[in-house]
Amino acid sequence: MPRVKRGVMAHKKREKILKYVKGFKWGRKSKERAAKEALLHAWSHAFKGRKQKKRDFRGLWQIKISAATKPLGLSYSKFIGGLKKLNIELDRKVLSDLAENNLEIFTSIVSQVKSSN
């Protein structure tokens, strides 16, 4: 059986890891062991960050909707409850966009909710 020399594949593997850590500080961009450790942390934080982003945006949408309904004489919780009762299936993302950019449409939705109560 012929001898297998693995230098090429090992080098490719190292280069691939070092390509991911380009731009990292200190020895983490050039030393393989430090780079692997840095990537483990970086990728776990990135995973958590993708989940956190969804939470943050939902909170932002709620704040925007609340800020738009307060001057119209309705609280956020009463507004969302009224939407559920009327089977108006607009999600918070769309509602916040309407509240920010199309206030007349949002006002008509709020008036529908107010008239049903």
C-alpha atoms as a PDB file:
ATOM      1  CA  MET A   1       0.000   0.000   0.000  1.00  0.00           C
ATOM      2  CA  PRO A   2       1.460   3.388  -0.957  1.00  0.00           C
ATOM      3  CA  ARG A   3       2.212   5.990   1.639  1.00  0.00           C
ATOM      4  CA  VAL A   4      -0.226   8.902   1.875  1.00  0.00           C
ATOM      5  CA  LYS A   5       1.263  12.332   2.443  1.00  0.00           C
ATOM      6  CA  ARG A   6      -1.317  14.668   3.974  1.00  0.00           C
ATOM      7  CA  GLY A   7       0.528  17.978   3.779  1.00  0.00           C
ATOM      8  CA  VAL A   8      -1.688  19.427   1.063  1.00  0.00           C
ATOM      9  CA  MET A   9      -4.984  18.687   2.811  1.00  0.00           C
ATOM     10  CA  ALA A  10      -3.707  19.827   6.223  1.00  0.00           C
ATOM     11  CA  HIS A  11      -2.514  23.082   4.694  1.00  0.00           C
ATOM     12  CA  LYS A  12      -5.892  23.634   2.991  1.00  0.00           C
ATOM     13  CA  LYS A  13      -7.661  23.038   6.294  1.00  0.00           C
ATOM     14  CA  ARG A  14      -5.427  25.562   8.080  1.00  0.00           C
ATOM     15  CA  GLU A  15      -5.825  28.154   5.349  1.00  0.00           C
ATOM     16  CA  LYS A  16      -9.598  27.773   5.459  1.00  0.00           C
ATOM     17  CA  ILE A  17      -9.661  28.478   9.197  1.00  0.00           C
ATOM     18  CA  LEU A  18      -7.295  31.432   8.854  1.00  0.00           C
ATOM     19  CA  LYS A  19      -9.426  32.862   6.048  1.00  0.00           C
ATOM     20  CA  TYR A  20     -12.395  33.070   8.459  1.00  0.00           C
ATOM     21  CA  VAL A  21     -10.410  34.962  11.103  1.00  0.00           C
ATOM     22  CA  LYS A  22      -9.045  37.637   8.808  1.00  0.00           C
ATOM     23  CA  GLY A  23      -9.440  40.933  10.615  1.00  0.00           C
ATOM     24  CA  PHE A  24      -9.362  39.481  14.130  1.00  0.00           C
ATOM     25  CA  LYS A  25      -6.983  41.126  16.603  1.00  0.00           C
ATOM     26  CA  TRP A  26      -3.587  39.947  17.823  1.00  0.00           C
ATOM     27  CA  GLY A  27      -2.512  36.351  17.288  1.00  0.00           C
ATOM     28  CA  ARG A  28      -6.019  35.118  16.662  1.00  0.00           C
ATOM     29  CA  LYS A  29      -5.665  36.032  12.988  1.00  0.00           C
ATOM     30  CA  SER A  30      -2.452  34.127  12.394  1.00  0.00           C
ATOM     31  CA  LYS A  31      -2.096  31.273  14.880  1.00  0.00           C
ATOM     32  CA  GLU A  32      -4.181  28.206  14.144  1.00  0.00           C
ATOM     33  CA  ARG A  33      -5.012  27.213  17.718  1.00  0.00           C
ATOM     34  CA  ALA A  34      -6.011  30.747  18.736  1.00  0.00           C
ATOM     35  CA  ALA A  35      -7.979  31.121  15.510  1.00  0.00           C
ATOM     36  CA  LYS A  36      -9.991  27.953  16.161  1.00  0.00           C
ATOM     37  CA  GLU A  37     -10.818  29.143  19.683  1.00  0.00           C
ATOM     38  CA  ALA A  38     -11.793  32.591  18.429  1.00  0.00           C
ATOM     39  CA  LEU A  39     -14.053  31.073  15.783  1.00  0.00           C
ATOM     40  CA  LEU A  40     -15.839  28.901  18.324  1.00  0.00           C
ATOM     41  CA  HIS A  41     -16.709  31.993  20.316  1.00  0.00           C
ATOM     42  CA  ALA A  42     -17.471  34.170  17.303  1.00  0.00           C
ATOM     43  CA  TRP A  43     -19.837  31.672  15.711  1.00  0.00           C
ATOM     44  CA  SER A  44     -21.683  31.002  18.968  1.00  0.00           C
ATOM     45  CA  HIS A  45     -22.157  34.750  19.486  1.00  0.00           C
ATOM     46  CA  ALA A  46     -23.341  35.107  15.898  1.00  0.00           C
ATOM     47  CA  PHE A  47     -25.937  32.374  16.435  1.00  0.00           C
ATOM     48  CA  LYS A  48     -27.210  34.061  19.609  1.00  0.00           C
ATOM     49  CA  GLY A  49     -27.197  37.419  17.851  1.00  0.00           C
ATOM     50  CA  ARG A  50     -29.474  36.185  15.078  1.00  0.00           C
ATOM     51  CA  LYS A  51     -32.016  35.115  17.704  1.00  0.00           C
ATOM     52  CA  GLN A  52     -31.601  38.345  19.706  1.00  0.00           C
ATOM     53  CA  LYS A  53     -32.181  40.449  16.597  1.00  0.00           C
ATOM     54  CA  LYS A  54     -35.664  38.999  16.176  1.00  0.00           C
ATOM     55  CA  ARG A  55     -36.508  39.847  19.817  1.00  0.00           C
ATOM     56  CA  ASP A  56     -35.147  43.367  19.478  1.00  0.00           C
ATOM     57  CA  PHE A  57     -37.134  44.109  16.343  1.00  0.00           C
ATOM     58  CA  ARG A  58     -40.379  42.811  17.854  1.00  0.00           C
ATOM     59  CA  GLY A  59     -39.845  45.139  20.822  1.00  0.00           C
ATOM     60  CA  LEU A  60     -39.158  48.053  18.480  1.00  0.00           C
ATOM     61  CA  TRP A  61     -42.339  47.361  16.512  1.00  0.00           C
ATOM     62  CA  GLN A  62     -44.356  47.271  19.739  1.00  0.00           C
ATOM     63  CA  ILE A  63     -42.927  50.628  20.819  1.00  0.00           C
ATOM     64  CA  LYS A  64     -43.740  52.200  17.442  1.00  0.00           C
ATOM     65  CA  ILE A  65     -47.315  50.887  17.507  1.00  0.00           C
ATOM     66  CA  SER A  66     -47.786  52.033  21.095  1.00  0.00           C
ATOM     67  CA  ALA A  67     -46.448  55.506  20.282  1.00  0.00           C
ATOM     68  CA  ALA A  68     -48.872  55.780  17.357  1.00  0.00           C
ATOM     69  CA  THR A  69     -51.955  54.545  19.239  1.00  0.00           C
ATOM     70  CA  LYS A  70     -51.497  56.721  22.357  1.00  0.00           C
ATOM     71  CA  PRO A  71     -52.428  60.047  20.647  1.00  0.00           C
ATOM     72  CA  LEU A  72     -55.447  58.330  19.100  1.00  0.00           C
ATOM     73  CA  GLY A  73     -56.782  57.448  22.560  1.00  0.00           C
ATOM     74  CA  LEU A  74     -55.987  53.747  22.693  1.00  0.00           C
ATOM     75  CA  SER A  75     -53.377  51.722  24.536  1.00  0.00           C
ATOM     76  CA  TYR A  76     -51.194  49.146  22.808  1.00  0.00           C
ATOM     77  CA  SER A  77     -52.751  46.179  24.600  1.00  0.00           C
ATOM     78  CA  LYS A  78     -56.331  47.312  23.885  1.00  0.00           C
ATOM     79  CA  PHE A  79     -55.386  47.867  20.242  1.00  0.00           C
ATOM     80  CA  ILE A  80     -53.844  44.408  19.797  1.00  0.00           C
ATOM     81  CA  GLY A  81     -56.738  42.810  21.675  1.00  0.00           C
ATOM     82  CA  GLY A  82     -59.214  44.619  19.421  1.00  0.00           C
ATOM     83  CA  LEU A  83     -57.377  43.447  16.315  1.00  0.00           C
ATOM     84  CA  LYS A  84     -57.577  39.844  17.521  1.00  0.00           C
ATOM     85  CA  LYS A  85     -61.278  40.238  18.248  1.00  0.00           C
ATOM     86  CA  LEU A  86     -61.955  41.648  14.758  1.00  0.00           C
ATOM     87  CA  ASN A  87     -59.785  38.949  13.114  1.00  0.00           C
ATOM     88  CA  ILE A  88     -57.561  41.569  11.499  1.00  0.00           C
ATOM     89  CA  GLU A  89     -54.424  39.555  10.839  1.00  0.00           C
ATOM     90  CA  LEU A  90     -51.783  42.243  10.430  1.00  0.00           C
ATOM     91  CA  ASP A  91     -48.530  41.458  12.165  1.00  0.00           C
ATOM     92  CA  ARG A  92     -46.617  43.942  14.286  1.00  0.00           C
ATOM     93  CA  LYS A  93     -44.019  44.577  11.587  1.00  0.00           C
ATOM     94  CA  VAL A  94     -46.653  45.728   9.101  1.00  0.00           C
ATOM     95  CA  LEU A  95     -48.550  47.717  11.736  1.00  0.00           C
ATOM     96  CA  SER A  96     -45.436  49.574  12.828  1.00  0.00           C
ATOM     97  CA  ASP A  97     -44.577  50.363   9.217  1.00  0.00           C
ATOM     98  CA  LEU A  98     -48.097  51.705   8.672  1.00  0.00           C
ATOM     99  CA  ALA A  99     -47.864  53.758  11.856  1.00  0.00           C
ATOM    100  CA  GLU A 100     -44.564  55.256  10.733  1.00  0.00           C
ATOM    101  CA  ASN A 101     -45.173  55.828   7.016  1.00  0.00           C
ATOM    102  CA  ASN A 102     -48.957  55.733   6.335  1.00  0.00           C
ATOM    103  CA  LEU A 103     -50.598  57.349   9.324  1.00  0.00           C
ATOM    104  CA  GLU A 104     -54.005  57.776   7.641  1.00  0.00           C
ATOM    105  CA  ILE A 105     -54.324  54.027   6.992  1.00  0.00           C
ATOM    106  CA  PHE A 106     -53.169  53.272  10.537  1.00  0.00           C
ATOM    107  CA  THR A 107     -55.699  55.786  11.897  1.00  0.00           C
ATOM    108  CA  SER A 108     -58.510  54.045  10.000  1.00  0.00           C
ATOM    109  CA  ILE A 109     -57.470  50.688  11.506  1.00  0.00           C
ATOM    110  CA  VAL A 110     -57.423  52.231  14.994  1.00  0.00           C
ATOM    111  CA  SER A 111     -60.859  53.760  14.436  1.00  0.00           C
ATOM    112  CA  GLN A 112     -62.223  50.340  13.423  1.00  0.00           C
ATOM    113  CA  VAL A 113     -60.842  48.847  16.630  1.00  0.00           C
ATOM    114  CA  LYS A 114     -62.237  51.709  18.734  1.00  0.00           C
ATOM    115  CA  SER A 115     -65.705  51.425  17.178  1.00  0.00           C
ATOM    116  CA  SER A 116     -65.863  47.688  17.883  1.00  0.00           C
ATOM    117  CA  ASN A 117     -65.238  48.205  21.630  1.00  0.00           C
END
